[in-house]
PDB file of N, CA and C in Angstrom:
ATOM      1  N   MET A   1      22.134  -0.131 135.727  1.00  0.00           N
ATOM      2  CA  MET A   1      22.980  -1.050 136.458  1.00  0.00           C
ATOM      3  C   MET A   1      23.094  -2.362 135.685  1.00  0.00           C
ATOM      4  N   THR A   2      24.173  -3.064 135.933  1.00  0.00           N
ATOM      5  CA  THR A   2      24.469  -4.310 135.237  1.00  0.00           C
ATOM      6  C   THR A   2      24.975  -5.330 136.244  1.00  0.00           C
ATOM      7  N   SER A   3      24.993  -6.582 135.861  1.00  0.00           N
ATOM      8  CA  SER A   3      25.481  -7.612 136.777  1.00  0.00           C
ATOM      9  C   SER A   3      26.998  -7.642 136.828  1.00  0.00           C
ATOM     10  N   GLY A   4      27.667  -7.159 135.796  1.00  0.00           N
ATOM     11  CA  GLY A   4      29.121  -7.058 135.806  1.00  0.00           C
ATOM     12  C   GLY A   4      29.838  -8.382 135.647  1.00  0.00           C
ATOM     13  N   PHE A   5      31.113  -8.252 135.355  1.00  0.00           N
ATOM     14  CA  PHE A   5      32.014  -9.395 135.228  1.00  0.00           C
ATOM     15  C   PHE A   5      33.354  -8.943 135.777  1.00  0.00           C
ATOM     16  N   GLY A   6      33.834  -9.608 136.819  1.00  0.00           N
ATOM     17  CA  GLY A   6      35.052  -9.144 137.469  1.00  0.00           C
ATOM     18  C   GLY A   6      36.109 -10.219 137.598  1.00  0.00           C
ATOM     19  N   LEU A   7      37.324  -9.743 137.798  1.00  0.00           N
ATOM     20  CA  LEU A   7      38.434 -10.644 138.065  1.00  0.00           C
ATOM     21  C   LEU A   7      39.523  -9.925 138.850  1.00  0.00           C
ATOM     22  N   VAL A   8      40.336 -10.730 139.514  1.00  0.00           N
ATOM     23  CA  VAL A   8      41.520 -10.258 140.212  1.00  0.00           C
ATOM     24  C   VAL A   8      42.695 -11.028 139.633  1.00  0.00           C
ATOM     25  N   VAL A   9      43.752 -10.294 139.290  1.00  0.00           N
ATOM     26  CA  VAL A   9      44.949 -10.927 138.737  1.00  0.00           C
ATOM     27  C   VAL A   9      46.128 -10.563 139.628  1.00  0.00           C
ATOM     28  N   ARG A  10      46.837 -11.577 140.090  1.00  0.00           N
ATOM     29  CA  ARG A  10      48.031 -11.378 140.913  1.00  0.00           C
ATOM     30  C   ARG A  10      49.248 -11.698 140.060  1.00  0.00           C
ATOM     31  N   PHE A  11      50.098 -10.690 139.878  1.00  0.00           N
ATOM     32  CA  PHE A  11      51.330 -10.843 139.117  1.00  0.00           C
ATOM     33  C   PHE A  11      52.504 -10.900 140.089  1.00  0.00           C
ATOM     34  N   GLU A  12      53.328 -11.935 139.960  1.00  0.00           N
ATOM     35  CA  GLU A  12      54.563 -12.027 140.729  1.00  0.00           C
ATOM     36  C   GLU A  12      55.705 -11.752 139.756  1.00  0.00           C
ATOM     37  N   LEU A  13      56.495 -10.721 140.074  1.00  0.00           N
ATOM     38  CA  LEU A  13      57.530 -10.240 139.164  1.00  0.00           C
ATOM     39  C   LEU A  13      58.882 -10.849 139.499  1.00  0.00           C
ATOM     40  N   ARG A  14      59.700 -11.031 138.476  1.00  0.00           N
ATOM     41  CA  ARG A  14      60.983 -11.741 138.606  1.00  0.00           C
ATOM     42  C   ARG A  14      61.956 -11.078 139.582  1.00  0.00           C
ATOM     43  N   ASP A  15      62.071  -9.753 139.500  1.00  0.00           N
ATOM     44  CA  ASP A  15      63.033  -9.026 140.341  1.00  0.00           C
ATOM     45  C   ASP A  15      62.696  -7.539 140.271  1.00  0.00           C
ATOM     46  N   ASP A  16      63.522  -6.699 140.901  1.00  0.00           N
ATOM     47  CA  ASP A  16      63.252  -5.264 140.936  1.00  0.00           C
ATOM     48  C   ASP A  16      63.247  -4.646 139.541  1.00  0.00           C
ATOM     49  N   ALA A  17      64.169  -5.064 138.693  1.00  0.00           N
ATOM     50  CA  ALA A  17      64.216  -4.532 137.325  1.00  0.00           C
ATOM     51  C   ALA A  17      62.953  -4.914 136.555  1.00  0.00           C
ATOM     52  N   ALA A  18      62.496  -6.138 136.736  1.00  0.00           N
ATOM     53  CA  ALA A  18      61.270  -6.587 136.081  1.00  0.00           C
ATOM     54  C   ALA A  18      60.072  -5.805 136.601  1.00  0.00           C
ATOM     55  N   ALA A  19      60.053  -5.517 137.897  1.00  0.00           N
ATOM     56  CA  ALA A  19      58.955  -4.736 138.473  1.00  0.00           C
ATOM     57  C   ALA A  19      58.913  -3.341 137.861  1.00  0.00           C
ATOM     58  N   ALA A  20      60.057  -2.706 137.714  1.00  0.00           N
ATOM     59  CA  ALA A  20      60.108  -1.362 137.121  1.00  0.00           C
ATOM     60  C   ALA A  20      59.641  -1.389 135.667  1.00  0.00           C
ATOM     61  N   ALA A  21      60.068  -2.383 134.912  1.00  0.00           N
ATOM     62  CA  ALA A  21      59.666  -2.496 133.507  1.00  0.00           C
ATOM     63  C   ALA A  21      58.169  -2.810 133.405  1.00  0.00           C
ATOM     64  N   PHE A  22      57.670  -3.668 134.271  1.00  0.00           N
ATOM     65  CA  PHE A  22      56.245  -4.005 134.288  1.00  0.00           C
ATOM     66  C   PHE A  22      55.421  -2.762 134.605  1.00  0.00           C
ATOM     67  N   ASP A  23      55.850  -1.990 135.595  1.00  0.00           N
ATOM     68  CA  ASP A  23      55.131  -0.772 135.959  1.00  0.00           C
ATOM     69  C   ASP A  23      55.092   0.212 134.790  1.00  0.00           C
ATOM     70  N   GLU A  24      56.176   0.297 134.029  1.00  0.00           N
ATOM     71  CA  GLU A  24      56.208   1.162 132.848  1.00  0.00           C
ATOM     72  C   GLU A  24      55.228   0.656 131.788  1.00  0.00           C
ATOM     73  N   LEU A  25      55.180  -0.636 131.585  1.00  0.00           N
ATOM     74  CA  LEU A  25      54.238  -1.222 130.632  1.00  0.00           C
ATOM     75  C   LEU A  25      52.797  -0.912 131.039  1.00  0.00           C
ATOM     76  N   VAL A  26      52.508  -1.017 132.318  1.00  0.00           N
ATOM     77  CA  VAL A  26      51.174  -0.685 132.820  1.00  0.00           C
ATOM     78  C   VAL A  26      50.871   0.791 132.558  1.00  0.00           C
ATOM     79  N   ALA A  27      51.830   1.657 132.847  1.00  0.00           N
ATOM     80  CA  ALA A  27      51.639   3.097 132.646  1.00  0.00           C
ATOM     81  C   ALA A  27      51.380   3.432 131.177  1.00  0.00           C
ATOM     82  N   GLU A  28      51.965   2.677 130.281  1.00  0.00           N
ATOM     83  CA  GLU A  28      51.734   2.884 128.845  1.00  0.00           C
ATOM     84  C   GLU A  28      50.370   2.352 128.403  1.00  0.00           C
ATOM     85  N   THR A  29      49.855   1.351 129.086  1.00  0.00           N
ATOM     86  CA  THR A  29      48.615   0.684 128.692  1.00  0.00           C
ATOM     87  C   THR A  29      47.368   1.373 129.252  1.00  0.00           C
ATOM     88  N   LEU A  30      47.446   1.875 130.467  1.00  0.00           N
ATOM     89  CA  LEU A  30      46.262   2.434 131.127  1.00  0.00           C
ATOM     90  C   LEU A  30      45.568   3.560 130.363  1.00  0.00           C
ATOM     91  N   PRO A  31      46.281   4.509 129.763  1.00  0.00           N
ATOM     92  CA  PRO A  31      45.568   5.581 129.044  1.00  0.00           C
ATOM     93  C   PRO A  31      44.668   5.057 127.923  1.00  0.00           C
ATOM     94  N   ALA A  32      45.093   4.029 127.213  1.00  0.00           N
ATOM     95  CA  ALA A  32      44.271   3.466 126.146  1.00  0.00           C
ATOM     96  C   ALA A  32      43.035   2.769 126.711  1.00  0.00           C
ATOM     97  N   ILE A  33      43.176   2.109 127.847  1.00  0.00           N
ATOM     98  CA  ILE A  33      42.009   1.483 128.488  1.00  0.00           C
ATOM     99  C   ILE A  33      41.004   2.561 128.867  1.00  0.00           C
ATOM    100  N   LYS A  34      41.498   3.639 129.476  1.00  0.00           N
ATOM    101  CA  LYS A  34      40.605   4.737 129.876  1.00  0.00           C
ATOM    102  C   LYS A  34      39.925   5.380 128.672  1.00  0.00           C
ATOM    103  N   ALA A  35      40.648   5.563 127.586  1.00  0.00           N
ATOM    104  CA  ALA A  35      40.128   6.286 126.425  1.00  0.00           C
ATOM    105  C   ALA A  35      39.234   5.454 125.517  1.00  0.00           C
ATOM    106  N   HIS A  36      39.475   4.142 125.446  1.00  0.00           N
ATOM    107  CA  HIS A  36      38.825   3.339 124.407  1.00  0.00           C
ATOM    108  C   HIS A  36      37.955   2.189 124.909  1.00  0.00           C
ATOM    109  N   GLU A  37      37.754   2.088 126.212  1.00  0.00           N
ATOM    110  CA  GLU A  37      36.993   0.951 126.735  1.00  0.00           C
ATOM    111  C   GLU A  37      35.870   1.397 127.665  1.00  0.00           C
ATOM    112  N   PRO A  38      34.769   1.893 127.117  1.00  0.00           N
ATOM    113  CA  PRO A  38      33.673   2.327 127.986  1.00  0.00           C
ATOM    114  C   PRO A  38      33.059   1.181 128.800  1.00  0.00           C
ATOM    115  N   GLY A  39      33.200  -0.048 128.348  1.00  0.00           N
ATOM    116  CA  GLY A  39      32.667  -1.193 129.085  1.00  0.00           C
ATOM    117  C   GLY A  39      33.548  -1.660 130.219  1.00  0.00           C
ATOM    118  N   THR A  40      34.739  -1.067 130.339  1.00  0.00           N
ATOM    119  CA  THR A  40      35.616  -1.359 131.469  1.00  0.00           C
ATOM    120  C   THR A  40      35.252  -0.383 132.577  1.00  0.00           C
ATOM    121  N   LEU A  41      34.578  -0.883 133.606  1.00  0.00           N
ATOM    122  CA  LEU A  41      34.073  -0.034 134.680  1.00  0.00           C
ATOM    123  C   LEU A  41      35.142   0.292 135.711  1.00  0.00           C
ATOM    124  N   ALA A  42      36.045  -0.641 135.947  1.00  0.00           N
ATOM    125  CA  ALA A  42      37.155  -0.426 136.883  1.00  0.00           C
ATOM    126  C   ALA A  42      38.347  -1.247 136.414  1.00  0.00           C
ATOM    127  N   TYR A  43      39.509  -0.630 136.469  1.00  0.00           N
ATOM    128  CA  TYR A  43      40.759  -1.316 136.134  1.00  0.00           C
ATOM    129  C   TYR A  43      41.791  -0.703 137.061  1.00  0.00           C
ATOM    130  N   VAL A  44      41.968  -1.322 138.210  1.00  0.00           N
ATOM    131  CA  VAL A  44      42.751  -0.731 139.278  1.00  0.00           C
ATOM    132  C   VAL A  44      43.983  -1.588 139.540  1.00  0.00           C
ATOM    133  N   VAL A  45      45.138  -0.935 139.528  1.00  0.00           N
ATOM    134  CA  VAL A  45      46.410  -1.609 139.751  1.00  0.00           C
ATOM    135  C   VAL A  45      46.851  -1.325 141.184  1.00  0.00           C
ATOM    136  N   HIS A  46      47.159  -2.391 141.906  1.00  0.00           N
ATOM    137  CA  HIS A  46      47.571  -2.267 143.308  1.00  0.00           C
ATOM    138  C   HIS A  46      48.987  -2.796 143.482  1.00  0.00           C
ATOM    139  N   SER A  47      49.745  -2.151 144.362  1.00  0.00           N
ATOM    140  CA  SER A  47      50.984  -2.744 144.851  1.00  0.00           C
ATOM    141  C   SER A  47      50.652  -3.376 146.204  1.00  0.00           C
ATOM    142  N   VAL A  48      51.530  -4.239 146.673  1.00  0.00           N
ATOM    143  CA  VAL A  48      51.317  -4.917 147.949  1.00  0.00           C
ATOM    144  C   VAL A  48      52.442  -4.467 148.876  1.00  0.00           C
ATOM    145  N   PRO A  49      52.139  -3.705 149.931  1.00  0.00           N
ATOM    146  CA  PRO A  49      53.191  -3.101 150.758  1.00  0.00           C
ATOM    147  C   PRO A  49      54.266  -4.066 151.259  1.00  0.00           C
ATOM    148  N   ASP A  50      53.901  -5.247 151.664  1.00  0.00           N
ATOM    149  CA  ASP A  50      54.886  -6.193 152.198  1.00  0.00           C
ATOM    150  C   ASP A  50      55.471  -7.128 151.137  1.00  0.00           C
ATOM    151  N   GLU A  51      55.056  -6.952 149.885  1.00  0.00           N
ATOM    152  CA  GLU A  51      55.541  -7.790 148.789  1.00  0.00           C
ATOM    153  C   GLU A  51      55.865  -6.896 147.593  1.00  0.00           C
ATOM    154  N   PRO A  52      57.044  -6.289 147.569  1.00  0.00           N
ATOM    155  CA  PRO A  52      57.369  -5.318 146.516  1.00  0.00           C
ATOM    156  C   PRO A  52      57.399  -5.907 145.106  1.00  0.00           C
ATOM    157  N   GLY A  53      57.490  -7.203 144.988  1.00  0.00           N
ATOM    158  CA  GLY A  53      57.515  -7.839 143.682  1.00  0.00           C
ATOM    159  C   GLY A  53      56.156  -8.341 143.229  1.00  0.00           C
ATOM    160  N   VAL A  54      55.089  -7.820 143.816  1.00  0.00           N
ATOM    161  CA  VAL A  54      53.738  -8.266 143.479  1.00  0.00           C
ATOM    162  C   VAL A  54      52.890  -7.069 143.061  1.00  0.00           C
ATOM    163  N   ARG A  55      52.088  -7.268 142.026  1.00  0.00           N
ATOM    164  CA  ARG A  55      51.067  -6.311 141.617  1.00  0.00           C
ATOM    165  C   ARG A  55      49.761  -7.075 141.533  1.00  0.00           C
ATOM    166  N   VAL A  56      48.685  -6.438 141.970  1.00  0.00           N
ATOM    167  CA  VAL A  56      47.363  -7.046 141.920  1.00  0.00           C
ATOM    168  C   VAL A  56      46.445  -6.116 141.147  1.00  0.00           C
ATOM    169  N   PHE A  57      45.798  -6.656 140.128  1.00  0.00           N
ATOM    170  CA  PHE A  57      44.842  -5.890 139.333  1.00  0.00           C
ATOM    171  C   PHE A  57      43.438  -6.305 139.749  1.00  0.00           C
ATOM    172  N   TYR A  58      42.573  -5.315 139.910  1.00  0.00           N
ATOM    173  CA  TYR A  58      41.139  -5.567 140.051  1.00  0.00           C
ATOM    174  C   TYR A  58      40.495  -5.018 138.789  1.00  0.00           C
ATOM    175  N   GLU A  59      39.765  -5.866 138.098  1.00  0.00           N
ATOM    176  CA  GLU A  59      39.129  -5.476 136.846  1.00  0.00           C
ATOM    177  C   GLU A  59      37.635  -5.760 136.930  1.00  0.00           C
ATOM    178  N   LEU A  60      36.841  -4.774 136.532  1.00  0.00           N
ATOM    179  CA  LEU A  60      35.388  -4.938 136.513  1.00  0.00           C
ATOM    180  C   LEU A  60      34.875  -4.434 135.171  1.00  0.00           C
ATOM    181  N   TYR A  61      34.126  -5.295 134.505  1.00  0.00           N
ATOM    182  CA  TYR A  61      33.584  -5.007 133.184  1.00  0.00           C
ATOM    183  C   TYR A  61      32.062  -5.021 133.239  1.00  0.00           C
ATOM    184  N   GLU A  62      31.432  -4.300 132.308  1.00  0.00           N
ATOM    185  CA  GLU A  62      29.973  -4.278 132.213  1.00  0.00           C
ATOM    186  C   GLU A  62      29.393  -5.684 132.164  1.00  0.00           C
ATOM    187  N   ASP A  63      30.040  -6.528 131.376  1.00  0.00           N
ATOM    188  CA  ASP A  63      29.580  -7.900 131.184  1.00  0.00           C
ATOM    189  C   ASP A  63      30.705  -8.685 130.502  1.00  0.00           C
ATOM    190  N   ARG A  64      30.466  -9.932 130.229  1.00  0.00           N
ATOM    191  CA  ARG A  64      31.490 -10.767 129.586  1.00  0.00           C
ATOM    192  C   ARG A  64      31.867 -10.246 128.203  1.00  0.00           C
ATOM    193  N   ALA A  65      30.912  -9.669 127.499  1.00  0.00           N
ATOM    194  CA  ALA A  65      31.194  -9.122 126.172  1.00  0.00           C
ATOM    195  C   ALA A  65      32.180  -7.952 126.268  1.00  0.00           C
ATOM    196  N   ALA A  66      32.046  -7.120 127.290  1.00  0.00           N
ATOM    197  CA  ALA A  66      32.984  -6.007 127.483  1.00  0.00           C
ATOM    198  C   ALA A  66      34.380  -6.545 127.793  1.00  0.00           C
ATOM    199  N   PHE A  67      34.454  -7.627 128.570  1.00  0.00           N
ATOM    200  CA  PHE A  67      35.748  -8.251 128.849  1.00  0.00           C
ATOM    201  C   PHE A  67      36.347  -8.798 127.557  1.00  0.00           C
ATOM    202  N   ALA A  68      35.540  -9.421 126.723  1.00  0.00           N
ATOM    203  CA  ALA A  68      36.026  -9.952 125.443  1.00  0.00           C
ATOM    204  C   ALA A  68      36.531  -8.817 124.556  1.00  0.00           C
ATOM    205  N   ARG A  69      35.829  -7.680 124.541  1.00  0.00           N
ATOM    206  CA  ARG A  69      36.290  -6.527 123.760  1.00  0.00           C
ATOM    207  C   ARG A  69      37.617  -6.011 124.302  1.00  0.00           C
ATOM    208  N   HIS A  70      37.774  -6.003 125.629  1.00  0.00           N
ATOM    209  CA  HIS A  70      39.039  -5.591 126.248  1.00  0.00           C
ATOM    210  C   HIS A  70      40.185  -6.473 125.753  1.00  0.00           C
ATOM    211  N   GLU A  71      39.963  -7.762 125.728  1.00  0.00           N
ATOM    212  CA  GLU A  71      41.019  -8.695 125.311  1.00  0.00           C
ATOM    213  C   GLU A  71      41.396  -8.549 123.850  1.00  0.00           C
ATOM    214  N   GLU A  72      40.513  -8.012 123.031  1.00  0.00           N
ATOM    215  CA  GLU A  72      40.775  -7.866 121.597  1.00  0.00           C
ATOM    216  C   GLU A  72      41.441  -6.536 121.228  1.00  0.00           C
ATOM    217  N   GLN A  73      41.564  -5.635 122.181  1.00  0.00           N
ATOM    218  CA  GLN A  73      42.177  -4.333 121.915  1.00  0.00           C
ATOM    219  C   GLN A  73      43.671  -4.490 121.643  1.00  0.00           C
ATOM    220  N   ALA A  74      44.203  -3.686 120.736  1.00  0.00           N
ATOM    221  CA  ALA A  74      45.638  -3.748 120.412  1.00  0.00           C
ATOM    222  C   ALA A  74      46.497  -3.474 121.637  1.00  0.00           C
ATOM    223  N   HIS A  75      46.094  -2.513 122.473  1.00  0.00           N
ATOM    224  CA  HIS A  75      46.895  -2.195 123.661  1.00  0.00           C
ATOM    225  C   HIS A  75      46.895  -3.355 124.661  1.00  0.00           C
ATOM    226  N   THR A  76      45.793  -4.079 124.751  1.00  0.00           N
ATOM    227  CA  THR A  76      45.745  -5.234 125.651  1.00  0.00           C
ATOM    228  C   THR A  76      46.600  -6.374 125.105  1.00  0.00           C
ATOM    229  N   LYS A  77      46.511  -6.625 123.816  1.00  0.00           N
ATOM    230  CA  LYS A  77      47.328  -7.681 123.217  1.00  0.00           C
ATOM    231  C   LYS A  77      48.816  -7.392 123.408  1.00  0.00           C
ATOM    232  N   ARG A  78      49.210  -6.137 123.250  1.00  0.00           N
ATOM    233  CA  ARG A  78      50.611  -5.758 123.460  1.00  0.00           C
ATOM    234  C   ARG A  78      51.011  -6.007 124.919  1.00  0.00           C
ATOM    235  N   PHE A  79      50.148  -5.589 125.859  1.00  0.00           N
ATOM    236  CA  PHE A  79      50.423  -5.805 127.280  1.00  0.00           C
ATOM    237  C   PHE A  79      50.587  -7.290 127.586  1.00  0.00           C
ATOM    238  N   LEU A  80      49.668  -8.101 127.092  1.00  0.00           N
ATOM    239  CA  LEU A  80      49.723  -9.538 127.365  1.00  0.00           C
ATOM    240  C   LEU A  80      50.988 -10.172 126.805  1.00  0.00           C
ATOM    241  N   ALA A  81      51.410  -9.741 125.630  1.00  0.00           N
ATOM    242  CA  ALA A  81      52.616 -10.295 125.010  1.00  0.00           C
ATOM    243  C   ALA A  81      53.882  -9.852 125.738  1.00  0.00           C
ATOM    244  N   GLU A  82      53.947  -8.594 126.117  1.00  0.00           N
ATOM    245  CA  GLU A  82      55.175  -8.059 126.708  1.00  0.00           C
ATOM    246  C   GLU A  82      55.320  -8.346 128.192  1.00  0.00           C
ATOM    247  N   ARG A  83      54.231  -8.596 128.897  1.00  0.00           N
ATOM    248  CA  ARG A  83      54.311  -8.801 130.346  1.00  0.00           C
ATOM    249  C   ARG A  83      55.062 -10.074 130.715  1.00  0.00           C
ATOM    250  N   GLU A  84      54.977 -11.084 129.861  1.00  0.00           N
ATOM    251  CA  GLU A  84      55.518 -12.406 130.199  1.00  0.00           C
ATOM    252  C   GLU A  84      56.988 -12.379 130.581  1.00  0.00           C
ATOM    253  N   GLN A  85      57.771 -11.548 129.941  1.00  0.00           N
ATOM    254  CA  GLN A  85      59.204 -11.505 130.225  1.00  0.00           C
ATOM    255  C   GLN A  85      59.518 -11.008 131.641  1.00  0.00           C
ATOM    256  N   HIS A  86      58.541 -10.368 132.289  1.00  0.00           N
ATOM    257  CA  HIS A  86      58.752  -9.785 133.610  1.00  0.00           C
ATOM    258  C   HIS A  86      58.215 -10.659 134.745  1.00  0.00           C
ATOM    259  N   LEU A  87      57.505 -11.722 134.416  1.00  0.00           N
ATOM    260  CA  LEU A  87      56.761 -12.488 135.417  1.00  0.00           C
ATOM    261  C   LEU A  87      57.442 -13.783 135.828  1.00  0.00           C
ATOM    262  N   SER A  88      57.264 -14.119 137.111  1.00  0.00           N
ATOM    263  CA  SER A  88      57.609 -15.461 137.564  1.00  0.00           C
ATOM    264  C   SER A  88      56.342 -16.285 137.776  1.00  0.00           C
ATOM    265  N   ALA A  89      55.198 -15.597 137.971  1.00  0.00           N
ATOM    266  CA  ALA A  89      53.921 -16.291 138.123  1.00  0.00           C
ATOM    267  C   ALA A  89      52.780 -15.301 137.905  1.00  0.00           C
ATOM    268  N   VAL A  90      51.647 -15.851 137.499  1.00  0.00           N
ATOM    269  CA  VAL A  90      50.416 -15.062 137.382  1.00  0.00           C
ATOM    270  C   VAL A  90      49.256 -15.939 137.831  1.00  0.00           C
ATOM    271  N   HIS A  91      48.353 -15.358 138.627  1.00  0.00           N
ATOM    272  CA  HIS A  91      47.194 -16.076 139.142  1.00  0.00           C
ATOM    273  C   HIS A  91      45.951 -15.250 138.837  1.00  0.00           C
ATOM    274  N   VAL A  92      44.974 -15.855 138.179  1.00  0.00           N
ATOM    275  CA  VAL A  92      43.743 -15.167 137.810  1.00  0.00           C
ATOM    276  C   VAL A  92      42.582 -15.794 138.570  1.00  0.00           C
ATOM    277  N   THR A  93      41.771 -14.933 139.192  1.00  0.00           N
ATOM    278  CA  THR A  93      40.564 -15.376 139.879  1.00  0.00           C
ATOM    279  C   THR A  93      39.378 -14.625 139.293  1.00  0.00           C
ATOM    280  N   PHE A  94      38.432 -15.346 138.705  1.00  0.00           N
ATOM    281  CA  PHE A  94      37.218 -14.730 138.182  1.00  0.00           C
ATOM    282  C   PHE A  94      36.219 -14.599 139.320  1.00  0.00           C
ATOM    283  N   LEU A  95      35.461 -13.516 139.303  1.00  0.00           N
ATOM    284  CA  LEU A  95      34.584 -13.176 140.423  1.00  0.00           C
ATOM    285  C   LEU A  95      33.115 -13.164 140.015  1.00  0.00           C
ATOM    286  N   GLN A  96      32.261 -13.506 140.956  1.00  0.00           N
ATOM    287  CA  GLN A  96      30.810 -13.427 140.803  1.00  0.00           C
ATOM    288  C   GLN A  96      30.298 -12.476 141.877  1.00  0.00           C
ATOM    289  N   ALA A  97      29.698 -11.358 141.485  1.00  0.00           N
ATOM    290  CA  ALA A  97      29.167 -10.396 142.453  1.00  0.00           C
ATOM    291  C   ALA A  97      27.998 -11.021 143.216  1.00  0.00           C
ATOM    292  N   GLU A  98      28.006 -10.855 144.525  1.00  0.00           N
ATOM    293  CA  GLU A  98      26.944 -11.383 145.373  1.00  0.00           C
ATOM    294  C   GLU A  98      26.200 -10.260 146.100  1.00  0.00           C
ATOM    295  N   ALA A  99      26.915  -9.248 146.551  1.00  0.00           N
ATOM    296  CA  ALA A  99      26.304  -8.142 147.282  1.00  0.00           C
ATOM    297  C   ALA A  99      27.289  -6.982 147.303  1.00  0.00           C
ATOM    298  N   GLY A 100      26.799  -5.784 147.528  1.00  0.00           N
ATOM    299  CA  GLY A 100      27.711  -4.668 147.663  1.00  0.00           C
ATOM    300  C   GLY A 100      27.138  -3.361 147.190  1.00  0.00           C
ATOM    301  N   LYS A 101      28.005  -2.378 147.057  1.00  0.00           N
ATOM    302  CA  LYS A 101      27.665  -1.043 146.584  1.00  0.00           C
ATOM    303  C   LYS A 101      28.596  -0.696 145.443  1.00  0.00           C
ATOM    304  N   GLY A 102      28.076  -0.195 144.364  1.00  0.00           N
ATOM    305  CA  GLY A 102      28.919   0.166 143.245  1.00  0.00           C
ATOM    306  C   GLY A 102      28.158   0.171 141.938  1.00  0.00           C
ATOM    307  N   PRO A 103      28.895   0.157 140.825  1.00  0.00           N
ATOM    308  CA  PRO A 103      28.247   0.275 139.522  1.00  0.00           C
ATOM    309  C   PRO A 103      27.599  -1.013 139.035  1.00  0.00           C
ATOM    310  N   VAL A 104      27.609  -2.063 139.859  1.00  0.00           N
ATOM    311  CA  VAL A 104      26.967  -3.312 139.464  1.00  0.00           C
ATOM    312  C   VAL A 104      26.026  -3.779 140.566  1.00  0.00           C
ATOM    313  N   THR A 105      25.063  -4.585 140.189  1.00  0.00           N
ATOM    314  CA  THR A 105      24.177  -5.216 141.163  1.00  0.00           C
ATOM    315  C   THR A 105      24.189  -6.718 140.890  1.00  0.00           C
ATOM    316  N   PRO A 106      24.301  -7.522 141.917  1.00  0.00           N
ATOM    317  CA  PRO A 106      24.312  -8.966 141.716  1.00  0.00           C
ATOM    318  C   PRO A 106      22.987  -9.494 141.188  1.00  0.00           C
TER     319      PRO A 106
END
């Protein structure tokens, strides 16, 4: 078990076309995260039922070093560069585990 490093990212998309393009970009990026990032414990993409132009990512990494390795991956750099054209806003919240059940212990 590890203490983990987590974050939640809320993406607000420009319009329906931007949402479709963003979803395609995510679909292209996820297989590389699954295949090449053993330190990424969870990378979950959520839609928001009452807000069709919003996507929320929950990301959990083994530790800060695993998050840093994620940011240095070619697929992540491509995602970060290409996502901007689809966004009207992005909000990042870093998390500190306090209690719970899962692959990390506070």
